[in-house]
Amino acid sequence: MTRRGMPNRTIERKTVHAASRITFALFDFDHTVTDTDTFIDFTVFAFGRVRVALWMLAHFPSVAAAMTGLTGINRIKKIFFARFFRGYPEREYLTMCERYANERLPRFLRPAALDRIAWHVRRGDAVVVISASLDGWIAPWARTAGVRDIIATFPGIENGRLTGKFTTPNCNGREKVRRFTEKYPDREKYVIYAYGDSSGDRAMLAFADHAYYRSFE
């Protein structure tokens, strides 16, 4: 679940004169690499369209408020995830993630995004997906696409079952930058490209040397 709402443009924020530095290419996932919200679509894949639609209808005021920015989206995302995945067996969840990545995800992948990822891979850049979605269904695809790392939202697991909670804050907004710098703290050593599509990517785009909003060129 992401909120949208920035003008369509490519942003060049800084000039970099250090070719010897490590180059990172940071990609948002939903609506950047894909053309859909995979968090919702994965839940539909696992539980069926009717069950998800009925939940959305029952919680329509909260969902609408979150999607339009009137209230925080993190809260409704937590409620949604707990409703469907609390107690879900870990092994079945991982199997479902593999199935989703192989059977359904390919139809949503954007050719322009895949071309840009491949361009970075050919250059030897470190491609990192930074997403508010969960790592489970991103990882199987990432292994085949040359993605070096995934920074995402992670589900809690206890005694072989999902707890229905997240072990990390929702990886959106400033949390994307915080999580990246926590893992890769030496910012002065990096040249960073960033690709995003929504206000939830604003901080990541501002953090980059070369920022692309709804564009790959």
N, C-alpha and C. Protein backbone atom coordinates (compact mmCIF):
# COMPACT_ATOMS: atom_id res chain seq x y z
N MET A 1 0.85 -1.19 0.00
CA MET A 1 0.00 0.00 0.00
C MET A 1 0.88 1.24 0.00
N THR A 2 0.75 2.07 -1.00
CA THR A 2 1.54 3.30 -1.06
C THR A 2 0.62 4.46 -1.43
N ARG A 3 1.01 5.65 -1.03
CA ARG A 3 0.30 6.85 -1.44
C ARG A 3 1.03 7.47 -2.61
N ARG A 4 0.27 8.06 -3.51
CA ARG A 4 0.87 8.67 -4.69
C ARG A 4 0.67 10.17 -4.62
N GLY A 5 1.39 10.93 -5.46
CA GLY A 5 1.10 12.34 -5.48
C GLY A 5 2.28 13.27 -5.61
N MET A 6 3.19 13.00 -6.57
CA MET A 6 4.26 13.95 -6.87
C MET A 6 4.22 14.22 -8.36
N PRO A 7 4.64 15.40 -8.81
CA PRO A 7 4.63 15.69 -10.24
C PRO A 7 5.59 14.78 -11.00
N ASN A 8 5.25 14.51 -12.25
CA ASN A 8 6.04 13.60 -13.07
C ASN A 8 7.26 14.32 -13.62
N ARG A 9 8.43 13.98 -13.11
CA ARG A 9 9.64 14.61 -13.62
C ARG A 9 10.85 13.80 -13.18
N THR A 10 11.95 14.00 -13.86
CA THR A 10 13.23 13.44 -13.48
C THR A 10 13.98 14.51 -12.69
N ILE A 11 14.58 14.11 -11.58
CA ILE A 11 15.22 15.08 -10.69
C ILE A 11 16.72 14.80 -10.65
N GLU A 12 17.53 15.74 -11.03
CA GLU A 12 18.97 15.64 -10.87
C GLU A 12 19.34 16.57 -9.71
N ARG A 13 19.71 16.03 -8.57
CA ARG A 13 19.86 16.84 -7.37
C ARG A 13 21.30 17.23 -7.09
N LYS A 14 22.25 16.41 -7.50
CA LYS A 14 23.63 16.71 -7.14
C LYS A 14 24.53 16.36 -8.32
N THR A 15 25.67 16.98 -8.38
CA THR A 15 26.68 16.63 -9.36
C THR A 15 27.78 15.84 -8.66
N VAL A 16 28.12 14.68 -9.22
CA VAL A 16 29.07 13.79 -8.57
C VAL A 16 30.37 13.78 -9.36
N HIS A 17 31.49 13.97 -8.68
CA HIS A 17 32.79 14.02 -9.34
C HIS A 17 33.72 12.95 -8.78
N ALA A 18 33.16 11.84 -8.34
CA ALA A 18 33.98 10.79 -7.72
C ALA A 18 33.67 9.45 -8.36
N ALA A 19 34.22 9.24 -9.56
CA ALA A 19 33.91 8.03 -10.31
C ALA A 19 34.40 6.77 -9.61
N SER A 20 35.35 6.92 -8.70
CA SER A 20 35.91 5.74 -8.03
C SER A 20 35.00 5.23 -6.92
N ARG A 21 33.97 6.00 -6.56
CA ARG A 21 33.11 5.57 -5.48
C ARG A 21 32.17 4.44 -5.94
N ILE A 22 31.70 3.65 -4.97
CA ILE A 22 30.75 2.57 -5.26
C ILE A 22 29.44 3.18 -5.71
N THR A 23 28.84 2.62 -6.75
CA THR A 23 27.56 3.10 -7.24
C THR A 23 26.44 2.17 -6.81
N PHE A 24 25.44 2.74 -6.15
CA PHE A 24 24.22 2.02 -5.78
C PHE A 24 23.08 2.49 -6.67
N ALA A 25 22.21 1.56 -7.04
CA ALA A 25 20.97 1.89 -7.75
C ALA A 25 19.82 1.42 -6.87
N LEU A 26 19.07 2.37 -6.31
CA LEU A 26 18.00 2.06 -5.38
C LEU A 26 16.66 2.13 -6.10
N PHE A 27 15.92 1.04 -6.05
CA PHE A 27 14.63 0.96 -6.74
C PHE A 27 13.50 0.72 -5.74
N ASP A 28 12.52 1.61 -5.73
CA ASP A 28 11.25 1.26 -5.14
C ASP A 28 10.67 0.09 -5.94
N PHE A 29 9.75 -0.67 -5.35
CA PHE A 29 9.24 -1.85 -6.05
C PHE A 29 7.84 -1.62 -6.61
N ASP A 30 6.84 -1.44 -5.74
CA ASP A 30 5.47 -1.29 -6.21
C ASP A 30 5.27 0.00 -6.99
N HIS A 31 4.73 -0.13 -8.19
CA HIS A 31 4.47 0.98 -9.11
C HIS A 31 5.74 1.62 -9.66
N THR A 32 6.90 1.02 -9.38
CA THR A 32 8.15 1.46 -10.01
C THR A 32 8.71 0.30 -10.83
N VAL A 33 9.10 -0.77 -10.16
CA VAL A 33 9.49 -1.98 -10.89
C VAL A 33 8.25 -2.69 -11.42
N THR A 34 7.15 -2.61 -10.67
CA THR A 34 5.89 -3.21 -11.10
C THR A 34 4.89 -2.11 -11.43
N ASP A 35 3.75 -2.51 -11.98
CA ASP A 35 2.70 -1.53 -12.24
C ASP A 35 1.48 -1.78 -11.34
N THR A 36 1.71 -2.43 -10.19
CA THR A 36 0.63 -2.67 -9.25
C THR A 36 1.16 -2.65 -7.82
N ASP A 37 0.25 -2.70 -6.86
CA ASP A 37 0.61 -2.83 -5.45
C ASP A 37 0.68 -4.32 -5.14
N THR A 38 1.88 -4.85 -5.03
CA THR A 38 2.01 -6.29 -4.84
C THR A 38 1.60 -6.75 -3.45
N PHE A 39 1.62 -5.85 -2.48
CA PHE A 39 1.17 -6.22 -1.13
C PHE A 39 -0.30 -6.64 -1.16
N ILE A 40 -1.12 -5.86 -1.83
CA ILE A 40 -2.53 -6.20 -1.98
C ILE A 40 -2.70 -7.41 -2.89
N ASP A 41 -2.00 -7.39 -4.01
CA ASP A 41 -2.17 -8.45 -5.01
C ASP A 41 -1.72 -9.81 -4.47
N PHE A 42 -0.65 -9.83 -3.68
CA PHE A 42 -0.22 -11.10 -3.08
C PHE A 42 -1.29 -11.65 -2.15
N THR A 43 -1.93 -10.77 -1.38
CA THR A 43 -2.98 -11.21 -0.48
C THR A 43 -4.17 -11.77 -1.26
N VAL A 44 -4.50 -11.14 -2.38
CA VAL A 44 -5.54 -11.66 -3.25
C VAL A 44 -5.14 -13.03 -3.78
N PHE A 45 -3.90 -13.18 -4.18
CA PHE A 45 -3.38 -14.45 -4.70
C PHE A 45 -3.50 -15.55 -3.64
N ALA A 46 -3.22 -15.20 -2.38
CA ALA A 46 -3.22 -16.20 -1.31
C ALA A 46 -4.62 -16.53 -0.79
N PHE A 47 -5.52 -15.52 -0.76
CA PHE A 47 -6.80 -15.71 -0.08
C PHE A 47 -8.02 -15.52 -0.98
N GLY A 48 -7.81 -15.03 -2.17
CA GLY A 48 -8.93 -14.85 -3.09
C GLY A 48 -9.44 -13.42 -3.10
N ARG A 49 -9.93 -13.01 -4.25
CA ARG A 49 -10.37 -11.64 -4.45
C ARG A 49 -11.58 -11.29 -3.58
N VAL A 50 -12.50 -12.24 -3.40
CA VAL A 50 -13.73 -11.96 -2.66
C VAL A 50 -13.43 -11.64 -1.20
N ARG A 51 -12.58 -12.45 -0.56
CA ARG A 51 -12.27 -12.21 0.86
C ARG A 51 -11.58 -10.87 1.06
N VAL A 52 -10.66 -10.53 0.17
CA VAL A 52 -9.96 -9.25 0.29
C VAL A 52 -10.92 -8.09 0.03
N ALA A 53 -11.78 -8.23 -0.98
CA ALA A 53 -12.73 -7.16 -1.31
C ALA A 53 -13.70 -6.94 -0.16
N LEU A 54 -14.16 -8.00 0.47
CA LEU A 54 -15.09 -7.87 1.60
C LEU A 54 -14.43 -7.14 2.77
N TRP A 55 -13.14 -7.45 3.02
CA TRP A 55 -12.43 -6.75 4.09
C TRP A 55 -12.29 -5.27 3.76
N MET A 56 -11.92 -4.99 2.52
CA MET A 56 -11.77 -3.60 2.10
C MET A 56 -13.08 -2.83 2.24
N LEU A 57 -14.18 -3.48 1.87
CA LEU A 57 -15.48 -2.84 1.95
C LEU A 57 -15.85 -2.56 3.41
N ALA A 58 -15.58 -3.53 4.28
CA ALA A 58 -15.90 -3.36 5.69
C ALA A 58 -15.08 -2.25 6.34
N HIS A 59 -13.88 -2.01 5.82
CA HIS A 59 -12.98 -1.00 6.39
C HIS A 59 -12.80 0.18 5.43
N PHE A 60 -13.79 0.41 4.58
CA PHE A 60 -13.62 1.39 3.51
C PHE A 60 -13.24 2.79 4.01
N PRO A 61 -13.88 3.33 5.06
CA PRO A 61 -13.49 4.69 5.50
C PRO A 61 -12.01 4.78 5.89
N SER A 62 -11.51 3.76 6.62
CA SER A 62 -10.11 3.79 7.04
C SER A 62 -9.17 3.61 5.85
N VAL A 63 -9.52 2.71 4.94
CA VAL A 63 -8.68 2.48 3.76
C VAL A 63 -8.64 3.73 2.89
N ALA A 64 -9.80 4.34 2.66
CA ALA A 64 -9.85 5.54 1.83
C ALA A 64 -9.05 6.68 2.45
N ALA A 65 -9.17 6.84 3.76
CA ALA A 65 -8.43 7.91 4.44
C ALA A 65 -6.94 7.70 4.32
N ALA A 66 -6.50 6.43 4.45
CA ALA A 66 -5.07 6.12 4.35
C ALA A 66 -4.55 6.35 2.94
N MET A 67 -5.30 5.93 1.94
CA MET A 67 -4.84 6.02 0.56
C MET A 67 -4.82 7.46 0.06
N THR A 68 -5.64 8.31 0.64
CA THR A 68 -5.67 9.70 0.21
C THR A 68 -4.80 10.60 1.09
N GLY A 69 -4.15 10.00 2.08
CA GLY A 69 -3.21 10.75 2.90
C GLY A 69 -3.81 11.44 4.09
N LEU A 70 -5.10 11.22 4.36
CA LEU A 70 -5.73 11.88 5.50
C LEU A 70 -5.29 11.27 6.83
N THR A 71 -4.95 9.98 6.80
CA THR A 71 -4.41 9.31 7.99
C THR A 71 -3.21 8.49 7.57
N GLY A 72 -2.41 8.06 8.54
CA GLY A 72 -1.23 7.27 8.23
C GLY A 72 -1.59 5.92 7.65
N ILE A 73 -0.86 5.54 6.61
CA ILE A 73 -1.13 4.27 5.95
C ILE A 73 -0.56 3.09 6.74
N ASN A 74 0.41 3.36 7.60
CA ASN A 74 1.05 2.26 8.34
C ASN A 74 0.06 1.52 9.22
N ARG A 75 -0.83 2.24 9.87
CA ARG A 75 -1.78 1.62 10.78
C ARG A 75 -2.71 0.66 10.04
N ILE A 76 -3.30 1.09 8.94
CA ILE A 76 -4.24 0.24 8.21
C ILE A 76 -3.51 -0.95 7.59
N LYS A 77 -2.25 -0.75 7.20
CA LYS A 77 -1.48 -1.86 6.65
C LYS A 77 -1.25 -2.94 7.71
N LYS A 78 -0.96 -2.53 8.93
CA LYS A 78 -0.77 -3.49 10.02
C LYS A 78 -2.05 -4.28 10.31
N ILE A 79 -3.17 -3.58 10.32
CA ILE A 79 -4.46 -4.24 10.58
C ILE A 79 -4.77 -5.24 9.47
N PHE A 80 -4.56 -4.82 8.24
CA PHE A 80 -4.81 -5.68 7.08
C PHE A 80 -3.94 -6.93 7.14
N PHE A 81 -2.66 -6.75 7.39
CA PHE A 81 -1.74 -7.89 7.41
C PHE A 81 -2.09 -8.86 8.53
N ALA A 82 -2.41 -8.33 9.71
CA ALA A 82 -2.76 -9.19 10.85
C ALA A 82 -4.02 -9.99 10.56
N ARG A 83 -5.01 -9.36 9.92
CA ARG A 83 -6.27 -10.06 9.63
C ARG A 83 -6.05 -11.27 8.76
N PHE A 84 -5.17 -11.18 7.78
CA PHE A 84 -5.03 -12.28 6.84
C PHE A 84 -3.89 -13.23 7.18
N PHE A 85 -2.85 -12.76 7.84
CA PHE A 85 -1.66 -13.60 7.97
C PHE A 85 -1.31 -14.01 9.40
N ARG A 86 -2.02 -13.54 10.40
CA ARG A 86 -1.74 -13.99 11.76
C ARG A 86 -1.99 -15.51 11.86
N GLY A 87 -0.96 -16.23 12.30
CA GLY A 87 -1.07 -17.67 12.45
C GLY A 87 -0.80 -18.47 11.19
N TYR A 88 -0.50 -17.80 10.07
CA TYR A 88 -0.25 -18.49 8.81
C TYR A 88 1.07 -19.26 8.91
N PRO A 89 1.10 -20.55 8.54
CA PRO A 89 2.34 -21.32 8.66
C PRO A 89 3.47 -20.73 7.81
N GLU A 90 4.62 -20.61 8.40
CA GLU A 90 5.76 -20.01 7.71
C GLU A 90 6.10 -20.76 6.43
N ARG A 91 6.12 -22.09 6.49
CA ARG A 91 6.48 -22.87 5.30
C ARG A 91 5.49 -22.64 4.17
N GLU A 92 4.20 -22.58 4.50
CA GLU A 92 3.21 -22.33 3.46
C GLU A 92 3.33 -20.91 2.92
N TYR A 93 3.64 -19.98 3.79
CA TYR A 93 3.83 -18.60 3.35
C TYR A 93 4.98 -18.48 2.36
N LEU A 94 6.11 -19.11 2.66
CA LEU A 94 7.27 -19.04 1.77
C LEU A 94 6.97 -19.74 0.44
N THR A 95 6.25 -20.85 0.49
CA THR A 95 5.85 -21.54 -0.74
C THR A 95 4.93 -20.65 -1.57
N MET A 96 4.00 -19.98 -0.89
CA MET A 96 3.09 -19.08 -1.59
C MET A 96 3.85 -17.92 -2.22
N CYS A 97 4.86 -17.41 -1.52
CA CYS A 97 5.68 -16.33 -2.07
C CYS A 97 6.40 -16.77 -3.34
N GLU A 98 6.96 -17.97 -3.32
CA GLU A 98 7.64 -18.50 -4.51
C GLU A 98 6.67 -18.65 -5.66
N ARG A 99 5.49 -19.17 -5.37
CA ARG A 99 4.47 -19.34 -6.42
C ARG A 99 4.07 -17.99 -7.00
N TYR A 100 3.86 -17.03 -6.12
CA TYR A 100 3.46 -15.70 -6.60
C TYR A 100 4.54 -15.10 -7.49
N ALA A 101 5.79 -15.20 -7.05
CA ALA A 101 6.90 -14.63 -7.82
C ALA A 101 7.04 -15.28 -9.18
N ASN A 102 6.75 -16.57 -9.26
CA ASN A 102 6.91 -17.30 -10.52
C ASN A 102 5.68 -17.23 -11.41
N GLU A 103 4.50 -17.26 -10.81
CA GLU A 103 3.27 -17.41 -11.60
C GLU A 103 2.56 -16.10 -11.90
N ARG A 104 2.60 -15.16 -10.97
CA ARG A 104 1.78 -13.96 -11.12
C ARG A 104 2.59 -12.67 -11.28
N LEU A 105 3.65 -12.54 -10.52
CA LEU A 105 4.43 -11.30 -10.54
C LEU A 105 4.92 -10.90 -11.92
N PRO A 106 5.37 -11.86 -12.77
CA PRO A 106 5.91 -11.44 -14.07
C PRO A 106 4.97 -10.59 -14.90
N ARG A 107 3.66 -10.76 -14.75
CA ARG A 107 2.74 -9.97 -15.57
C ARG A 107 2.72 -8.49 -15.18
N PHE A 108 3.23 -8.18 -13.99
CA PHE A 108 3.21 -6.80 -13.50
C PHE A 108 4.56 -6.10 -13.64
N LEU A 109 5.60 -6.81 -14.02
CA LEU A 109 6.93 -6.20 -14.12
C LEU A 109 7.00 -5.26 -15.32
N ARG A 110 7.54 -4.09 -15.11
CA ARG A 110 7.60 -3.08 -16.15
C ARG A 110 8.87 -3.26 -16.99
N PRO A 111 8.73 -3.45 -18.29
CA PRO A 111 9.91 -3.65 -19.14
C PRO A 111 10.95 -2.55 -19.01
N ALA A 112 10.53 -1.30 -18.90
CA ALA A 112 11.49 -0.19 -18.78
C ALA A 112 12.28 -0.30 -17.49
N ALA A 113 11.63 -0.74 -16.42
CA ALA A 113 12.33 -0.92 -15.15
C ALA A 113 13.33 -2.06 -15.24
N LEU A 114 12.92 -3.16 -15.85
CA LEU A 114 13.84 -4.29 -15.99
C LEU A 114 15.04 -3.91 -16.85
N ASP A 115 14.81 -3.13 -17.89
CA ASP A 115 15.93 -2.68 -18.73
C ASP A 115 16.89 -1.81 -17.92
N ARG A 116 16.34 -0.94 -17.08
CA ARG A 116 17.21 -0.07 -16.29
C ARG A 116 17.99 -0.84 -15.24
N ILE A 117 17.35 -1.83 -14.63
CA ILE A 117 18.06 -2.69 -13.68
C ILE A 117 19.18 -3.42 -14.40
N ALA A 118 18.89 -3.98 -15.58
CA ALA A 118 19.92 -4.70 -16.35
C ALA A 118 21.07 -3.77 -16.72
N TRP A 119 20.76 -2.52 -17.03
CA TRP A 119 21.80 -1.53 -17.36
C TRP A 119 22.73 -1.33 -16.16
N HIS A 120 22.16 -1.20 -14.99
CA HIS A 120 22.98 -1.04 -13.78
C HIS A 120 23.80 -2.29 -13.51
N VAL A 121 23.22 -3.45 -13.70
CA VAL A 121 23.94 -4.70 -13.47
C VAL A 121 25.13 -4.81 -14.42
N ARG A 122 24.93 -4.46 -15.68
CA ARG A 122 26.03 -4.51 -16.65
C ARG A 122 27.16 -3.56 -16.26
N ARG A 123 26.83 -2.45 -15.66
CA ARG A 123 27.83 -1.48 -15.21
C ARG A 123 28.57 -1.93 -13.95
N GLY A 124 28.04 -2.97 -13.30
CA GLY A 124 28.64 -3.42 -12.06
C GLY A 124 28.13 -2.68 -10.84
N ASP A 125 27.02 -1.95 -10.99
CA ASP A 125 26.45 -1.22 -9.86
C ASP A 125 25.75 -2.18 -8.90
N ALA A 126 25.63 -1.76 -7.67
CA ALA A 126 24.93 -2.54 -6.65
C ALA A 126 23.45 -2.16 -6.68
N VAL A 127 22.62 -3.06 -7.18
CA VAL A 127 21.19 -2.79 -7.28
C VAL A 127 20.51 -3.22 -5.98
N VAL A 128 19.76 -2.31 -5.39
CA VAL A 128 19.07 -2.58 -4.12
C VAL A 128 17.60 -2.20 -4.29
N VAL A 129 16.71 -3.13 -3.98
CA VAL A 129 15.29 -2.82 -3.94
C VAL A 129 14.95 -2.37 -2.52
N ILE A 130 14.31 -1.20 -2.40
CA ILE A 130 13.89 -0.68 -1.10
C ILE A 130 12.38 -0.50 -1.16
N SER A 131 11.67 -1.34 -0.42
CA SER A 131 10.22 -1.43 -0.62
C SER A 131 9.45 -1.53 0.68
N ALA A 132 8.24 -0.96 0.67
CA ALA A 132 7.32 -1.13 1.79
C ALA A 132 6.66 -2.49 1.75
N SER A 133 6.72 -3.18 0.61
CA SER A 133 6.19 -4.54 0.54
C SER A 133 7.11 -5.49 1.30
N LEU A 134 6.66 -6.73 1.43
CA LEU A 134 7.44 -7.70 2.19
C LEU A 134 8.48 -8.37 1.30
N ASP A 135 9.56 -8.78 1.94
CA ASP A 135 10.67 -9.37 1.19
C ASP A 135 10.32 -10.71 0.58
N GLY A 136 9.31 -11.42 1.13
CA GLY A 136 9.04 -12.80 0.76
C GLY A 136 8.84 -13.03 -0.72
N TRP A 137 8.05 -12.19 -1.37
CA TRP A 137 7.80 -12.39 -2.80
C TRP A 137 8.72 -11.56 -3.68
N ILE A 138 9.44 -10.60 -3.10
CA ILE A 138 10.43 -9.86 -3.88
C ILE A 138 11.69 -10.70 -4.08
N ALA A 139 12.10 -11.43 -3.05
CA ALA A 139 13.37 -12.16 -3.08
C ALA A 139 13.46 -13.19 -4.20
N PRO A 140 12.45 -14.02 -4.47
CA PRO A 140 12.59 -15.00 -5.56
C PRO A 140 12.82 -14.35 -6.91
N TRP A 141 12.13 -13.23 -7.16
CA TRP A 141 12.38 -12.50 -8.41
C TRP A 141 13.76 -11.87 -8.40
N ALA A 142 14.16 -11.27 -7.29
CA ALA A 142 15.42 -10.55 -7.20
C ALA A 142 16.61 -11.45 -7.51
N ARG A 143 16.51 -12.71 -7.10
CA ARG A 143 17.62 -13.64 -7.35
C ARG A 143 17.89 -13.82 -8.84
N THR A 144 16.88 -13.64 -9.67
CA THR A 144 17.04 -13.85 -11.11
C THR A 144 17.33 -12.55 -11.86
N ALA A 145 17.24 -11.42 -11.16
CA ALA A 145 17.34 -10.12 -11.84
C ALA A 145 18.66 -9.41 -11.57
N GLY A 146 19.54 -10.01 -10.80
CA GLY A 146 20.81 -9.37 -10.50
C GLY A 146 20.74 -8.38 -9.37
N VAL A 147 19.65 -8.40 -8.61
CA VAL A 147 19.51 -7.50 -7.46
C VAL A 147 20.42 -7.98 -6.34
N ARG A 148 21.24 -7.07 -5.80
CA ARG A 148 22.21 -7.46 -4.78
C ARG A 148 21.60 -7.55 -3.39
N ASP A 149 20.62 -6.68 -3.11
CA ASP A 149 20.11 -6.63 -1.74
C ASP A 149 18.66 -6.18 -1.76
N ILE A 150 17.91 -6.57 -0.73
CA ILE A 150 16.53 -6.14 -0.55
C ILE A 150 16.40 -5.52 0.83
N ILE A 151 15.89 -4.32 0.88
CA ILE A 151 15.56 -3.67 2.15
C ILE A 151 14.05 -3.48 2.11
N ALA A 152 13.34 -4.19 2.98
CA ALA A 152 11.89 -4.25 2.88
C ALA A 152 11.27 -4.32 4.26
N THR A 153 9.97 -4.58 4.28
CA THR A 153 9.25 -4.82 5.52
C THR A 153 9.28 -6.32 5.79
N PHE A 154 9.56 -6.71 7.03
CA PHE A 154 9.73 -8.13 7.34
C PHE A 154 8.65 -8.61 8.31
N PRO A 155 8.08 -9.79 8.07
CA PRO A 155 7.04 -10.31 8.96
C PRO A 155 7.64 -10.98 10.20
N GLY A 156 6.94 -10.88 11.31
CA GLY A 156 7.34 -11.60 12.51
C GLY A 156 6.98 -13.07 12.39
N ILE A 157 7.86 -13.93 12.88
CA ILE A 157 7.63 -15.38 12.83
C ILE A 157 7.99 -15.97 14.20
N GLU A 158 7.07 -16.74 14.74
CA GLU A 158 7.31 -17.44 16.00
C GLU A 158 6.75 -18.85 15.91
N ASN A 159 7.57 -19.81 16.33
CA ASN A 159 7.13 -21.21 16.34
C ASN A 159 6.59 -21.66 15.00
N GLY A 160 7.25 -21.21 13.94
CA GLY A 160 6.90 -21.66 12.60
C GLY A 160 5.65 -21.03 12.01
N ARG A 161 5.14 -19.96 12.64
CA ARG A 161 3.95 -19.29 12.12
C ARG A 161 4.15 -17.77 12.12
N LEU A 162 3.50 -17.11 11.18
CA LEU A 162 3.55 -15.66 11.14
C LEU A 162 2.76 -15.08 12.31
N THR A 163 3.31 -14.07 12.94
CA THR A 163 2.65 -13.46 14.09
C THR A 163 1.56 -12.48 13.69
N GLY A 164 1.58 -12.05 12.43
CA GLY A 164 0.65 -11.01 11.99
C GLY A 164 1.18 -9.62 12.25
N LYS A 165 2.40 -9.53 12.77
CA LYS A 165 3.04 -8.25 13.01
C LYS A 165 4.30 -8.14 12.15
N PHE A 166 4.85 -6.93 12.08
CA PHE A 166 6.10 -6.70 11.37
C PHE A 166 7.24 -6.58 12.37
N THR A 167 8.40 -7.09 12.00
CA THR A 167 9.57 -6.97 12.88
C THR A 167 10.34 -5.68 12.62
N THR A 168 9.97 -4.97 11.57
CA THR A 168 10.59 -3.69 11.24
C THR A 168 9.48 -2.67 10.99
N PRO A 169 9.76 -1.39 11.12
CA PRO A 169 8.77 -0.39 10.71
C PRO A 169 8.48 -0.53 9.22
N ASN A 170 7.29 -0.09 8.82
CA ASN A 170 6.94 -0.10 7.41
C ASN A 170 8.00 0.65 6.62
N CYS A 171 8.59 0.02 5.63
CA CYS A 171 9.73 0.60 4.92
C CYS A 171 9.23 1.58 3.86
N ASN A 172 8.86 2.75 4.31
CA ASN A 172 8.30 3.77 3.44
C ASN A 172 8.76 5.14 3.95
N GLY A 173 8.80 6.12 3.06
CA GLY A 173 9.18 7.47 3.45
C GLY A 173 10.61 7.53 3.97
N ARG A 174 10.81 8.24 5.07
CA ARG A 174 12.15 8.40 5.64
C ARG A 174 12.75 7.07 6.11
N GLU A 175 11.87 6.10 6.37
CA GLU A 175 12.37 4.80 6.81
C GLU A 175 13.24 4.14 5.74
N LYS A 176 12.98 4.43 4.48
CA LYS A 176 13.81 3.87 3.40
C LYS A 176 15.25 4.36 3.52
N VAL A 177 15.42 5.64 3.76
CA VAL A 177 16.77 6.19 3.91
C VAL A 177 17.41 5.70 5.20
N ARG A 178 16.64 5.67 6.28
CA ARG A 178 17.19 5.21 7.55
C ARG A 178 17.69 3.77 7.46
N ARG A 179 16.91 2.92 6.82
CA ARG A 179 17.31 1.52 6.70
C ARG A 179 18.53 1.35 5.80
N PHE A 180 18.59 2.14 4.72
CA PHE A 180 19.76 2.05 3.84
C PHE A 180 21.02 2.51 4.56
N THR A 181 20.96 3.66 5.22
CA THR A 181 22.16 4.19 5.88
C THR A 181 22.55 3.35 7.09
N GLU A 182 21.60 2.67 7.70
CA GLU A 182 21.93 1.75 8.78
C GLU A 182 22.78 0.59 8.27
N LYS A 183 22.46 0.13 7.07
CA LYS A 183 23.17 -1.01 6.49
C LYS A 183 24.42 -0.58 5.74
N TYR A 184 24.36 0.59 5.12
CA TYR A 184 25.49 1.12 4.34
C TYR A 184 25.79 2.54 4.83
N PRO A 185 26.51 2.68 5.94
CA PRO A 185 26.62 3.98 6.62
C PRO A 185 27.58 4.99 6.00
N ASP A 186 28.47 4.56 5.13
CA ASP A 186 29.50 5.47 4.63
C ASP A 186 29.02 6.21 3.39
N ARG A 187 28.08 7.13 3.57
CA ARG A 187 27.44 7.80 2.44
C ARG A 187 28.44 8.48 1.51
N GLU A 188 29.50 9.04 2.04
CA GLU A 188 30.46 9.77 1.20
C GLU A 188 31.20 8.86 0.23
N LYS A 189 31.11 7.55 0.45
CA LYS A 189 31.79 6.60 -0.43
C LYS A 189 30.92 6.14 -1.60
N TYR A 190 29.69 6.60 -1.66
CA TYR A 190 28.75 6.08 -2.65
C TYR A 190 28.28 7.15 -3.63
N VAL A 191 28.02 6.71 -4.86
CA VAL A 191 27.22 7.45 -5.82
C VAL A 191 25.88 6.72 -5.88
N ILE A 192 24.78 7.45 -5.73
CA ILE A 192 23.49 6.80 -5.60
C ILE A 192 22.52 7.27 -6.68
N TYR A 193 21.97 6.30 -7.41
CA TYR A 193 20.83 6.51 -8.30
C TYR A 193 19.60 6.03 -7.54
N ALA A 194 18.48 6.71 -7.68
CA ALA A 194 17.26 6.28 -7.03
C ALA A 194 16.07 6.43 -7.98
N TYR A 195 15.16 5.45 -7.90
CA TYR A 195 13.99 5.41 -8.77
C TYR A 195 12.75 5.20 -7.92
N GLY A 196 11.76 6.09 -8.06
CA GLY A 196 10.55 5.97 -7.27
C GLY A 196 9.36 6.55 -8.00
N ASP A 197 8.18 6.39 -7.38
CA ASP A 197 6.96 6.82 -8.07
C ASP A 197 6.00 7.62 -7.20
N SER A 198 6.25 7.73 -5.90
CA SER A 198 5.23 8.31 -5.03
C SER A 198 5.86 9.19 -3.95
N SER A 199 4.99 9.83 -3.16
CA SER A 199 5.48 10.65 -2.06
C SER A 199 6.24 9.82 -1.05
N GLY A 200 5.95 8.52 -0.98
CA GLY A 200 6.68 7.64 -0.08
C GLY A 200 8.13 7.44 -0.47
N ASP A 201 8.49 7.88 -1.68
CA ASP A 201 9.88 7.78 -2.16
C ASP A 201 10.60 9.12 -2.10
N ARG A 202 9.91 10.15 -1.64
CA ARG A 202 10.47 11.50 -1.66
C ARG A 202 11.82 11.58 -0.94
N ALA A 203 11.90 10.99 0.25
CA ALA A 203 13.14 11.07 1.04
C ALA A 203 14.28 10.32 0.33
N MET A 204 13.96 9.16 -0.25
CA MET A 204 14.98 8.39 -0.96
C MET A 204 15.49 9.15 -2.18
N LEU A 205 14.60 9.81 -2.89
CA LEU A 205 15.00 10.58 -4.07
C LEU A 205 15.85 11.78 -3.67
N ALA A 206 15.49 12.43 -2.58
CA ALA A 206 16.28 13.57 -2.11
C ALA A 206 17.66 13.15 -1.64
N PHE A 207 17.79 11.93 -1.20
CA PHE A 207 19.04 11.38 -0.68
C PHE A 207 20.02 11.04 -1.80
N ALA A 208 19.49 10.83 -3.01
CA ALA A 208 20.29 10.33 -4.13
C ALA A 208 21.07 11.44 -4.84
N ASP A 209 22.11 11.02 -5.55
CA ASP A 209 22.84 11.93 -6.44
C ASP A 209 22.10 12.10 -7.76
N HIS A 210 21.46 11.03 -8.22
CA HIS A 210 20.69 11.04 -9.46
C HIS A 210 19.33 10.45 -9.14
N ALA A 211 18.29 11.26 -9.17
CA ALA A 211 16.95 10.83 -8.75
C ALA A 211 15.98 10.85 -9.93
N TYR A 212 15.25 9.78 -10.09
CA TYR A 212 14.32 9.62 -11.21
C TYR A 212 12.93 9.34 -10.68
N TYR A 213 12.01 10.23 -10.95
CA TYR A 213 10.64 10.09 -10.49
C TYR A 213 9.74 9.72 -11.67
N ARG A 214 9.19 8.51 -11.60
CA ARG A 214 8.33 7.98 -12.68
C ARG A 214 9.03 8.05 -14.04
N SER A 215 10.31 7.84 -14.02
CA SER A 215 11.10 7.88 -15.24
C SER A 215 12.36 7.06 -15.03
N PHE A 216 12.92 6.54 -16.14
CA PHE A 216 14.17 5.78 -16.04
C PHE A 216 15.27 6.42 -16.89
N GLU A 217 15.00 7.60 -17.43
CA GLU A 217 15.99 8.29 -18.26
C GLU A 217 16.08 9.75 -17.87
